[in-house]
Amino acid sequence: MTRILVTGSSDGIGRQTALELVRDGHEVVLHARNDERARQAREAVPGAAAVVVGDLSSLAQTRALAEAANEAGPYDAVIHNAGVGGGGDRVVTEDGYERIFAVNVLAPYVLTCLMPVPARLVYLTSGLQAQGEVHLEDLQFEQRTWDGMQAYSDSKLWDVALAFAVARLHPATLSNAVDPGWIKTRMGGPGATEELPAGAETQVWLATSDDPAATVGGRYLNRRRELAANPAALEVEVQEQLLEVAGRLTGVQLPRG
């Protein structure tokens, strides 16, 4: 039995992931962005060990979430599942950061920094990471013309880069990035091509399996298969620049193993 935190687990892929982990006999700590979503998560995953609450668009709430999660831990694995899509206008958070970048990149970065590094880490990305672009001077579309889907693709590239950076800096930790596929969820929409269970399967496997293929870090995977990541994510200089910018924006630094 392992103890696992799954962020963004009140619905969609995160909830399916938590359900499968509980059904497999693991201790699962859920996460929701507010109390109402936490109630829904408890009802949907009745066997969960606990629920922690925090809005990942807020740095203060993300820091508080890390503290609450640590109190509910320790963890054998953390699955950074939470994220927002790329539709709509550019939205700025209470901290003055573009919302997609704040939730999809800064939040998992802060949680990784403020929580003890577990044996296994999984960062959800997307096949759109292949279309992500490196604009370290303009990560938040302050200078570029707003393009929500490009902002989302960029954020998913940065999630892969973060997973690879953690794998490099903490070689004892199995840190991987997973593309769950285009799944029929609220975010994926009705036109998605794959059913919900398929979107959780690889994360569950990476977080819990002793299969030799599941015990290798530093990879980008879909359906348990390693795929070629955006080449930028593999560049150590790009990874280090991301860590520098994220550290400056959040005030927390990634521990180095």
C-alpha atoms as a PDB file:
ATOM      1  CA  MET A   1       0.000   0.000   0.000  1.00  0.00           C
ATOM      2  CA  THR A   2       1.240   3.467  -0.844  1.00  0.00           C
ATOM      3  CA  ARG A   3       0.062   6.941   0.161  1.00  0.00           C
ATOM      4  CA  ILE A   4      -0.532   9.228  -2.787  1.00  0.00           C
ATOM      5  CA  LEU A   5      -1.605  12.850  -3.241  1.00  0.00           C
ATOM      6  CA  VAL A   6      -3.566  13.610  -6.407  1.00  0.00           C
ATOM      7  CA  THR A   7      -4.073  17.298  -7.153  1.00  0.00           C
ATOM      8  CA  GLY A   8      -7.209  18.390  -8.966  1.00  0.00           C
ATOM      9  CA  SER A   9      -9.064  15.241  -7.965  1.00  0.00           C
ATOM     10  CA  SER A  10     -12.622  16.519  -7.552  1.00  0.00           C
ATOM     11  CA  ASP A  11     -13.542  15.603 -11.123  1.00  0.00           C
ATOM     12  CA  GLY A  12     -12.229  14.442 -14.494  1.00  0.00           C
ATOM     13  CA  ILE A  13      -8.968  12.579 -14.882  1.00  0.00           C
ATOM     14  CA  GLY A  14      -7.868  13.394 -11.330  1.00  0.00           C
ATOM     15  CA  ARG A  15     -10.993  11.900  -9.800  1.00  0.00           C
ATOM     16  CA  GLN A  16     -10.702   8.805 -12.001  1.00  0.00           C
ATOM     17  CA  THR A  17      -7.069   8.437 -10.957  1.00  0.00           C
ATOM     18  CA  ALA A  18      -8.001   8.680  -7.278  1.00  0.00           C
ATOM     19  CA  LEU A  19     -10.837   6.166  -7.692  1.00  0.00           C
ATOM     20  CA  GLU A  20      -8.569   3.614  -9.302  1.00  0.00           C
ATOM     21  CA  LEU A  21      -5.892   4.077  -6.647  1.00  0.00           C
ATOM     22  CA  VAL A  22      -8.421   3.617  -3.829  1.00  0.00           C
ATOM     23  CA  ARG A  23      -9.872   0.543  -5.528  1.00  0.00           C
ATOM     24  CA  ASP A  24      -6.347  -0.887  -5.707  1.00  0.00           C
ATOM     25  CA  GLY A  25      -6.024  -0.494  -1.934  1.00  0.00           C
ATOM     26  CA  HIS A  26      -3.868   2.617  -1.721  1.00  0.00           C
ATOM     27  CA  GLU A  27      -4.259   5.537   0.682  1.00  0.00           C
ATOM     28  CA  VAL A  28      -5.225   8.569  -1.357  1.00  0.00           C
ATOM     29  CA  VAL A  29      -5.308  12.224  -0.350  1.00  0.00           C
ATOM     30  CA  LEU A  30      -7.564  14.246  -2.621  1.00  0.00           C
ATOM     31  CA  HIS A  31      -7.289  17.921  -3.508  1.00  0.00           C
ATOM     32  CA  ALA A  32     -10.001  20.419  -4.410  1.00  0.00           C
ATOM     33  CA  ARG A  33      -9.849  24.150  -4.994  1.00  0.00           C
ATOM     34  CA  ASN A  34     -12.619  25.065  -2.525  1.00  0.00           C
ATOM     35  CA  ASP A  35     -14.825  23.571   0.178  1.00  0.00           C
ATOM     36  CA  GLU A  36     -17.735  22.776  -2.135  1.00  0.00           C
ATOM     37  CA  ARG A  37     -15.474  20.920  -4.542  1.00  0.00           C
ATOM     38  CA  ALA A  38     -13.942  19.120  -1.562  1.00  0.00           C
ATOM     39  CA  ARG A  39     -17.389  17.914  -0.535  1.00  0.00           C
ATOM     40  CA  GLN A  40     -17.988  16.645  -4.042  1.00  0.00           C
ATOM     41  CA  ALA A  41     -14.634  14.867  -4.033  1.00  0.00           C
ATOM     42  CA  ARG A  42     -15.402  13.108  -0.744  1.00  0.00           C
ATOM     43  CA  GLU A  43     -18.711  11.898  -2.129  1.00  0.00           C
ATOM     44  CA  ALA A  44     -17.177  10.739  -5.400  1.00  0.00           C
ATOM     45  CA  VAL A  45     -14.208   8.956  -3.787  1.00  0.00           C
ATOM     46  CA  PRO A  46     -15.578   7.753  -0.439  1.00  0.00           C
ATOM     47  CA  GLY A  47     -12.548   5.623   0.373  1.00  0.00           C
ATOM     48  CA  ALA A  48     -10.095   8.520   0.261  1.00  0.00           C
ATOM     49  CA  ALA A  49      -7.957   9.114   3.331  1.00  0.00           C
ATOM     50  CA  ALA A  50      -8.342  12.917   3.350  1.00  0.00           C
ATOM     51  CA  VAL A  51      -9.054  15.994   1.254  1.00  0.00           C
ATOM     52  CA  VAL A  52      -6.890  19.118   1.200  1.00  0.00           C
ATOM     53  CA  VAL A  53      -8.182  22.421  -0.146  1.00  0.00           C
ATOM     54  CA  GLY A  54      -6.499  25.244  -2.023  1.00  0.00           C
ATOM     55  CA  ASP A  55      -6.956  27.335  -5.153  1.00  0.00           C
ATOM     56  CA  LEU A  56      -3.843  26.825  -7.273  1.00  0.00           C
ATOM     57  CA  SER A  57      -4.289  30.196  -8.980  1.00  0.00           C
ATOM     58  CA  SER A  58      -3.288  31.806  -5.670  1.00  0.00           C
ATOM     59  CA  LEU A  59       0.294  31.600  -4.429  1.00  0.00           C
ATOM     60  CA  ALA A  60      -0.826  32.069  -0.834  1.00  0.00           C
ATOM     61  CA  GLN A  61      -3.362  29.255  -1.102  1.00  0.00           C
ATOM     62  CA  THR A  62      -0.855  27.025  -2.886  1.00  0.00           C
ATOM     63  CA  ARG A  63       1.639  27.536  -0.063  1.00  0.00           C
ATOM     64  CA  ALA A  64      -1.086  26.779   2.478  1.00  0.00           C
ATOM     65  CA  LEU A  65      -2.068  23.721   0.457  1.00  0.00           C
ATOM     66  CA  ALA A  66       1.504  22.452   0.625  1.00  0.00           C
ATOM     67  CA  GLU A  67       1.422  22.822   4.404  1.00  0.00           C
ATOM     68  CA  ALA A  68      -1.914  20.996   4.690  1.00  0.00           C
ATOM     69  CA  ALA A  69      -0.748  18.271   2.332  1.00  0.00           C
ATOM     70  CA  ASN A  70       2.413  17.781   4.361  1.00  0.00           C
ATOM     71  CA  GLU A  71       0.318  17.367   7.500  1.00  0.00           C
ATOM     72  CA  ALA A  72      -1.686  14.643   5.708  1.00  0.00           C
ATOM     73  CA  GLY A  73       1.471  12.923   4.414  1.00  0.00           C
ATOM     74  CA  PRO A  74       4.127  11.711   3.991  1.00  0.00           C
ATOM     75  CA  TYR A  75       3.657  10.418   0.447  1.00  0.00           C
ATOM     76  CA  ASP A  76       5.144   7.685  -1.623  1.00  0.00           C
ATOM     77  CA  ALA A  77       3.954   9.487  -4.754  1.00  0.00           C
ATOM     78  CA  VAL A  78       2.455  12.821  -5.794  1.00  0.00           C
ATOM     79  CA  ILE A  79       0.479  13.149  -9.018  1.00  0.00           C
ATOM     80  CA  HIS A  80       0.341  16.750 -10.223  1.00  0.00           C
ATOM     81  CA  ASN A  81      -2.893  16.417 -12.149  1.00  0.00           C
ATOM     82  CA  ALA A  82      -4.545  19.833 -11.657  1.00  0.00           C
ATOM     83  CA  GLY A  83      -4.623  22.211 -14.580  1.00  0.00           C
ATOM     84  CA  VAL A  84      -6.699  24.638 -16.620  1.00  0.00           C
ATOM     85  CA  GLY A  85      -7.320  24.745 -20.355  1.00  0.00           C
ATOM     86  CA  GLY A  86      -6.535  27.338 -22.958  1.00  0.00           C
ATOM     87  CA  GLY A  87      -9.927  28.703 -23.971  1.00  0.00           C
ATOM     88  CA  GLY A  88     -11.053  32.260 -23.369  1.00  0.00           C
ATOM     89  CA  ASP A  89      -9.411  35.583 -22.694  1.00  0.00           C
ATOM     90  CA  ARG A  90      -6.197  36.271 -20.821  1.00  0.00           C
ATOM     91  CA  VAL A  91      -6.967  36.237 -17.086  1.00  0.00           C
ATOM     92  CA  VAL A  92      -4.669  37.640 -14.410  1.00  0.00           C
ATOM     93  CA  THR A  93      -4.584  36.119 -10.922  1.00  0.00           C
ATOM     94  CA  GLU A  94      -4.612  37.948  -7.596  1.00  0.00           C
ATOM     95  CA  ASP A  95      -0.800  37.782  -7.691  1.00  0.00           C
ATOM     96  CA  GLY A  96      -0.680  39.478 -11.084  1.00  0.00           C
ATOM     97  CA  TYR A  97       0.240  36.348 -13.061  1.00  0.00           C
ATOM     98  CA  GLU A  98      -1.400  34.955 -16.185  1.00  0.00           C
ATOM     99  CA  ARG A  99      -3.764  32.225 -14.931  1.00  0.00           C
ATOM    100  CA  ILE A 100      -2.771  29.323 -17.199  1.00  0.00           C
ATOM    101  CA  PHE A 101       0.895  29.792 -16.343  1.00  0.00           C
ATOM    102  CA  ALA A 102       0.084  30.231 -12.647  1.00  0.00           C
ATOM    103  CA  VAL A 103      -2.026  27.080 -12.314  1.00  0.00           C
ATOM    104  CA  ASN A 104      -0.297  24.768 -14.774  1.00  0.00           C
ATOM    105  CA  VAL A 105       3.322  25.697 -14.067  1.00  0.00           C
ATOM    106  CA  LEU A 106       3.879  27.786 -10.949  1.00  0.00           C
ATOM    107  CA  ALA A 107       1.540  25.733  -8.741  1.00  0.00           C
ATOM    108  CA  PRO A 108       3.193  22.336  -9.332  1.00  0.00           C
ATOM    109  CA  TYR A 109       6.565  24.057  -9.024  1.00  0.00           C
ATOM    110  CA  VAL A 110       5.649  25.538  -5.619  1.00  0.00           C
ATOM    111  CA  LEU A 111       4.217  22.254  -4.353  1.00  0.00           C
ATOM    112  CA  THR A 112       7.336  20.414  -5.485  1.00  0.00           C
ATOM    113  CA  CYS A 113       9.504  22.958  -3.662  1.00  0.00           C
ATOM    114  CA  LEU A 114       7.535  22.986  -0.404  1.00  0.00           C
ATOM    115  CA  MET A 115       6.841  19.266  -0.024  1.00  0.00           C
ATOM    116  CA  PRO A 116       9.409  16.552   0.730  1.00  0.00           C
ATOM    117  CA  VAL A 117      10.441  14.978  -2.559  1.00  0.00           C
ATOM    118  CA  PRO A 118       8.672  11.585  -2.689  1.00  0.00           C
ATOM    119  CA  ALA A 119       9.892   8.404  -4.346  1.00  0.00           C
ATOM    120  CA  ARG A 120       7.674   9.051  -7.368  1.00  0.00           C
ATOM    121  CA  LEU A 121       6.363  12.173  -9.057  1.00  0.00           C
ATOM    122  CA  VAL A 122       4.014  12.411 -12.013  1.00  0.00           C
ATOM    123  CA  TYR A 123       3.339  15.686 -13.838  1.00  0.00           C
ATOM    124  CA  LEU A 124       0.416  15.748 -16.263  1.00  0.00           C
ATOM    125  CA  THR A 125       1.174  17.372 -19.569  1.00  0.00           C
ATOM    126  CA  SER A 126      -0.446  17.153 -23.003  1.00  0.00           C
ATOM    127  CA  GLY A 127       0.411  16.158 -26.534  1.00  0.00           C
ATOM    128  CA  LEU A 128       0.238  19.881 -27.222  1.00  0.00           C
ATOM    129  CA  GLN A 129       3.564  20.199 -25.419  1.00  0.00           C
ATOM    130  CA  ALA A 130       5.054  19.497 -28.852  1.00  0.00           C
ATOM    131  CA  GLN A 131       3.711  22.883 -29.967  1.00  0.00           C
ATOM    132  CA  GLY A 132       5.016  24.693 -26.901  1.00  0.00           C
ATOM    133  CA  GLU A 133       7.450  27.529 -27.494  1.00  0.00           C
ATOM    134  CA  VAL A 134      10.291  28.850 -25.353  1.00  0.00           C
ATOM    135  CA  HIS A 135       9.756  32.534 -24.595  1.00  0.00           C
ATOM    136  CA  LEU A 136      11.514  32.918 -21.277  1.00  0.00           C
ATOM    137  CA  GLU A 137      11.399  36.692 -21.644  1.00  0.00           C
ATOM    138  CA  ASP A 138       7.599  36.576 -22.052  1.00  0.00           C
ATOM    139  CA  LEU A 139       6.252  33.468 -20.334  1.00  0.00           C
ATOM    140  CA  GLN A 140       2.934  35.122 -19.540  1.00  0.00           C
ATOM    141  CA  PHE A 141       2.019  36.776 -22.866  1.00  0.00           C
ATOM    142  CA  GLU A 142       2.626  40.271 -21.570  1.00  0.00           C
ATOM    143  CA  GLN A 143       4.303  41.231 -24.862  1.00  0.00           C
ATOM    144  CA  ARG A 144       3.004  38.640 -27.313  1.00  0.00           C
ATOM    145  CA  THR A 145      -0.498  38.774 -28.746  1.00  0.00           C
ATOM    146  CA  TRP A 146      -2.732  36.640 -26.555  1.00  0.00           C
ATOM    147  CA  ASP A 147      -3.344  33.103 -27.806  1.00  0.00           C
ATOM    148  CA  GLY A 148      -4.966  30.871 -25.197  1.00  0.00           C
ATOM    149  CA  MET A 149      -4.104  27.599 -26.907  1.00  0.00           C
ATOM    150  CA  GLN A 150      -0.479  28.663 -27.344  1.00  0.00           C
ATOM    151  CA  ALA A 151      -0.374  29.650 -23.678  1.00  0.00           C
ATOM    152  CA  TYR A 152      -1.710  26.195 -22.801  1.00  0.00           C
ATOM    153  CA  SER A 153       0.783  24.451 -25.106  1.00  0.00           C
ATOM    154  CA  ASP A 154       3.625  26.470 -23.598  1.00  0.00           C
ATOM    155  CA  SER A 155       2.514  25.546 -20.080  1.00  0.00           C
ATOM    156  CA  LYS A 156       2.486  21.869 -20.965  1.00  0.00           C
ATOM    157  CA  LEU A 157       6.027  22.162 -22.357  1.00  0.00           C
ATOM    158  CA  TRP A 158       7.086  23.710 -19.055  1.00  0.00           C
ATOM    159  CA  ASP A 159       5.467  20.835 -17.151  1.00  0.00           C
ATOM    160  CA  VAL A 160       7.651  18.387 -19.071  1.00  0.00           C
ATOM    161  CA  ALA A 161      10.719  20.545 -18.439  1.00  0.00           C
ATOM    162  CA  LEU A 162       9.889  20.645 -14.718  1.00  0.00           C
ATOM    163  CA  ALA A 163       9.496  16.854 -14.566  1.00  0.00           C
ATOM    164  CA  PHE A 164      12.825  16.402 -16.322  1.00  0.00           C
ATOM    165  CA  ALA A 165      14.558  18.963 -14.104  1.00  0.00           C
ATOM    166  CA  VAL A 166      13.369  17.178 -10.959  1.00  0.00           C
ATOM    167  CA  ALA A 167      14.508  13.830 -12.399  1.00  0.00           C
ATOM    168  CA  ARG A 168      17.938  15.318 -13.087  1.00  0.00           C
ATOM    169  CA  LEU A 169      18.327  17.040  -9.724  1.00  0.00           C
ATOM    170  CA  HIS A 170      16.816  14.202  -7.664  1.00  0.00           C
ATOM    171  CA  PRO A 171      17.973  10.982  -9.340  1.00  0.00           C
ATOM    172  CA  ALA A 172      16.550   8.856  -6.522  1.00  0.00           C
ATOM    173  CA  THR A 173      13.061  10.106  -7.429  1.00  0.00           C
ATOM    174  CA  LEU A 174      11.162   8.679 -10.374  1.00  0.00           C
ATOM    175  CA  SER A 175       9.889  11.900 -11.937  1.00  0.00           C
ATOM    176  CA  ASN A 176       7.955  11.593 -15.197  1.00  0.00           C
ATOM    177  CA  ALA A 177       5.569  13.575 -17.396  1.00  0.00           C
ATOM    178  CA  VAL A 178       2.397  11.969 -18.759  1.00  0.00           C
ATOM    179  CA  ASP A 179       0.196  12.896 -21.696  1.00  0.00           C
ATOM    180  CA  PRO A 180      -3.165  11.362 -20.698  1.00  0.00           C
ATOM    181  CA  GLY A 181      -4.569  11.733 -24.214  1.00  0.00           C
ATOM    182  CA  TRP A 182      -7.615  13.652 -25.443  1.00  0.00           C
ATOM    183  CA  ILE A 183     -10.114  12.464 -22.863  1.00  0.00           C
ATOM    184  CA  LYS A 184     -13.865  13.040 -22.641  1.00  0.00           C
ATOM    185  CA  THR A 185     -13.945  15.280 -19.577  1.00  0.00           C
ATOM    186  CA  ARG A 186     -15.240  18.768 -18.867  1.00  0.00           C
ATOM    187  CA  MET A 187     -11.880  20.147 -20.014  1.00  0.00           C
ATOM    188  CA  GLY A 188     -11.480  17.754 -22.936  1.00  0.00           C
ATOM    189  CA  GLY A 189     -14.971  18.445 -24.225  1.00  0.00           C
ATOM    190  CA  PRO A 190     -17.486  16.235 -26.034  1.00  0.00           C
ATOM    191  CA  GLY A 191     -15.338  15.959 -29.141  1.00  0.00           C
ATOM    192  CA  ALA A 192     -12.547  14.137 -27.318  1.00  0.00           C
ATOM    193  CA  THR A 193     -11.598  10.760 -28.734  1.00  0.00           C
ATOM    194  CA  GLU A 194     -10.911   8.661 -25.630  1.00  0.00           C
ATOM    195  CA  GLU A 195     -12.926   7.572 -22.618  1.00  0.00           C
ATOM    196  CA  LEU A 196     -12.070   8.635 -19.077  1.00  0.00           C
ATOM    197  CA  PRO A 197     -10.471   5.443 -17.689  1.00  0.00           C
ATOM    198  CA  ALA A 198      -7.755   5.551 -20.334  1.00  0.00           C
ATOM    199  CA  GLY A 199      -6.692   8.987 -19.132  1.00  0.00           C
ATOM    200  CA  ALA A 200      -5.771   7.740 -15.646  1.00  0.00           C
ATOM    201  CA  GLU A 201      -4.132   4.422 -16.407  1.00  0.00           C
ATOM    202  CA  THR A 202      -0.523   5.535 -16.926  1.00  0.00           C
ATOM    203  CA  GLN A 203      -0.439   7.747 -13.831  1.00  0.00           C
ATOM    204  CA  VAL A 204      -1.695   4.905 -11.615  1.00  0.00           C
ATOM    205  CA  TRP A 205       0.918   2.587 -13.094  1.00  0.00           C
ATOM    206  CA  LEU A 206       3.781   5.040 -12.602  1.00  0.00           C
ATOM    207  CA  ALA A 207       2.743   5.869  -9.045  1.00  0.00           C
ATOM    208  CA  THR A 208       2.377   2.314  -7.799  1.00  0.00           C
ATOM    209  CA  SER A 209       3.779  -0.407 -10.042  1.00  0.00           C
ATOM    210  CA  ASP A 210       6.953  -2.408  -9.431  1.00  0.00           C
ATOM    211  CA  ASP A 211       7.057  -3.270 -13.119  1.00  0.00           C
ATOM    212  CA  PRO A 212      10.627  -2.468 -14.242  1.00  0.00           C
ATOM    213  CA  ALA A 213       9.202  -0.288 -17.009  1.00  0.00           C
ATOM    214  CA  ALA A 214       7.456   1.849 -14.366  1.00  0.00           C
ATOM    215  CA  THR A 215      10.592   2.390 -12.299  1.00  0.00           C
ATOM    216  CA  VAL A 216      12.485   4.656 -14.693  1.00  0.00           C
ATOM    217  CA  GLY A 217      12.429   8.437 -14.385  1.00  0.00           C
ATOM    218  CA  GLY A 218      12.970  11.346 -16.717  1.00  0.00           C
ATOM    219  CA  ARG A 219      10.488  10.321 -19.393  1.00  0.00           C
ATOM    220  CA  TYR A 220       7.483  11.649 -21.288  1.00  0.00           C
ATOM    221  CA  LEU A 221       4.855   8.932 -21.655  1.00  0.00           C
ATOM    222  CA  ASN A 222       1.464   8.121 -23.095  1.00  0.00           C
ATOM    223  CA  ARG A 223      -0.237   4.746 -22.507  1.00  0.00           C
ATOM    224  CA  ARG A 224       2.881   3.465 -20.719  1.00  0.00           C
ATOM    225  CA  ARG A 225       4.996   4.138 -23.792  1.00  0.00           C
ATOM    226  CA  GLU A 226       7.856   6.605 -23.817  1.00  0.00           C
ATOM    227  CA  LEU A 227       7.470   9.254 -26.504  1.00  0.00           C
ATOM    228  CA  ALA A 228       9.804  11.917 -27.820  1.00  0.00           C
ATOM    229  CA  ALA A 229       9.335  15.106 -25.804  1.00  0.00           C
ATOM    230  CA  ASN A 230       9.641  18.612 -27.143  1.00  0.00           C
ATOM    231  CA  PRO A 231      13.437  18.953 -27.533  1.00  0.00           C
ATOM    232  CA  ALA A 232      13.423  22.177 -25.528  1.00  0.00           C
ATOM    233  CA  ALA A 233      12.343  20.262 -22.402  1.00  0.00           C
ATOM    234  CA  LEU A 234      15.520  18.189 -22.594  1.00  0.00           C
ATOM    235  CA  GLU A 235      17.843  21.179 -22.587  1.00  0.00           C
ATOM    236  CA  VAL A 236      19.442  21.669 -19.172  1.00  0.00           C
ATOM    237  CA  GLU A 237      19.865  25.383 -19.814  1.00  0.00           C
ATOM    238  CA  VAL A 238      16.141  25.757 -20.519  1.00  0.00           C
ATOM    239  CA  GLN A 239      15.266  23.753 -17.403  1.00  0.00           C
ATOM    240  CA  GLU A 240      17.551  25.912 -15.271  1.00  0.00           C
ATOM    241  CA  GLN A 241      16.129  29.115 -16.711  1.00  0.00           C
ATOM    242  CA  LEU A 242      12.608  27.916 -15.922  1.00  0.00           C
ATOM    243  CA  LEU A 243      13.616  27.116 -12.336  1.00  0.00           C
ATOM    244  CA  GLU A 244      15.242  30.533 -11.993  1.00  0.00           C
ATOM    245  CA  VAL A 245      12.165  32.383 -13.270  1.00  0.00           C
ATOM    246  CA  ALA A 246       9.723  30.286 -11.232  1.00  0.00           C
ATOM    247  CA  GLY A 247      11.837  30.773  -8.123  1.00  0.00           C
ATOM    248  CA  ARG A 248      11.935  34.518  -8.635  1.00  0.00           C
ATOM    249  CA  LEU A 249       8.181  34.779  -9.222  1.00  0.00           C
ATOM    250  CA  THR A 250       7.165  32.570  -6.290  1.00  0.00           C
ATOM    251  CA  GLY A 251       9.906  33.236  -3.756  1.00  0.00           C
ATOM    252  CA  VAL A 252      10.625  29.543  -3.245  1.00  0.00           C
ATOM    253  CA  GLN A 253      13.503  27.468  -4.575  1.00  0.00           C
ATOM    254  CA  LEU A 254      13.580  23.861  -5.707  1.00  0.00           C
ATOM    255  CA  PRO A 255      15.742  21.790  -3.333  1.00  0.00           C
ATOM    256  CA  ARG A 256      18.650  20.098  -5.035  1.00  0.00           C
ATOM    257  CA  GLY A 257      19.446  16.499  -4.192  1.00  0.00           C
END
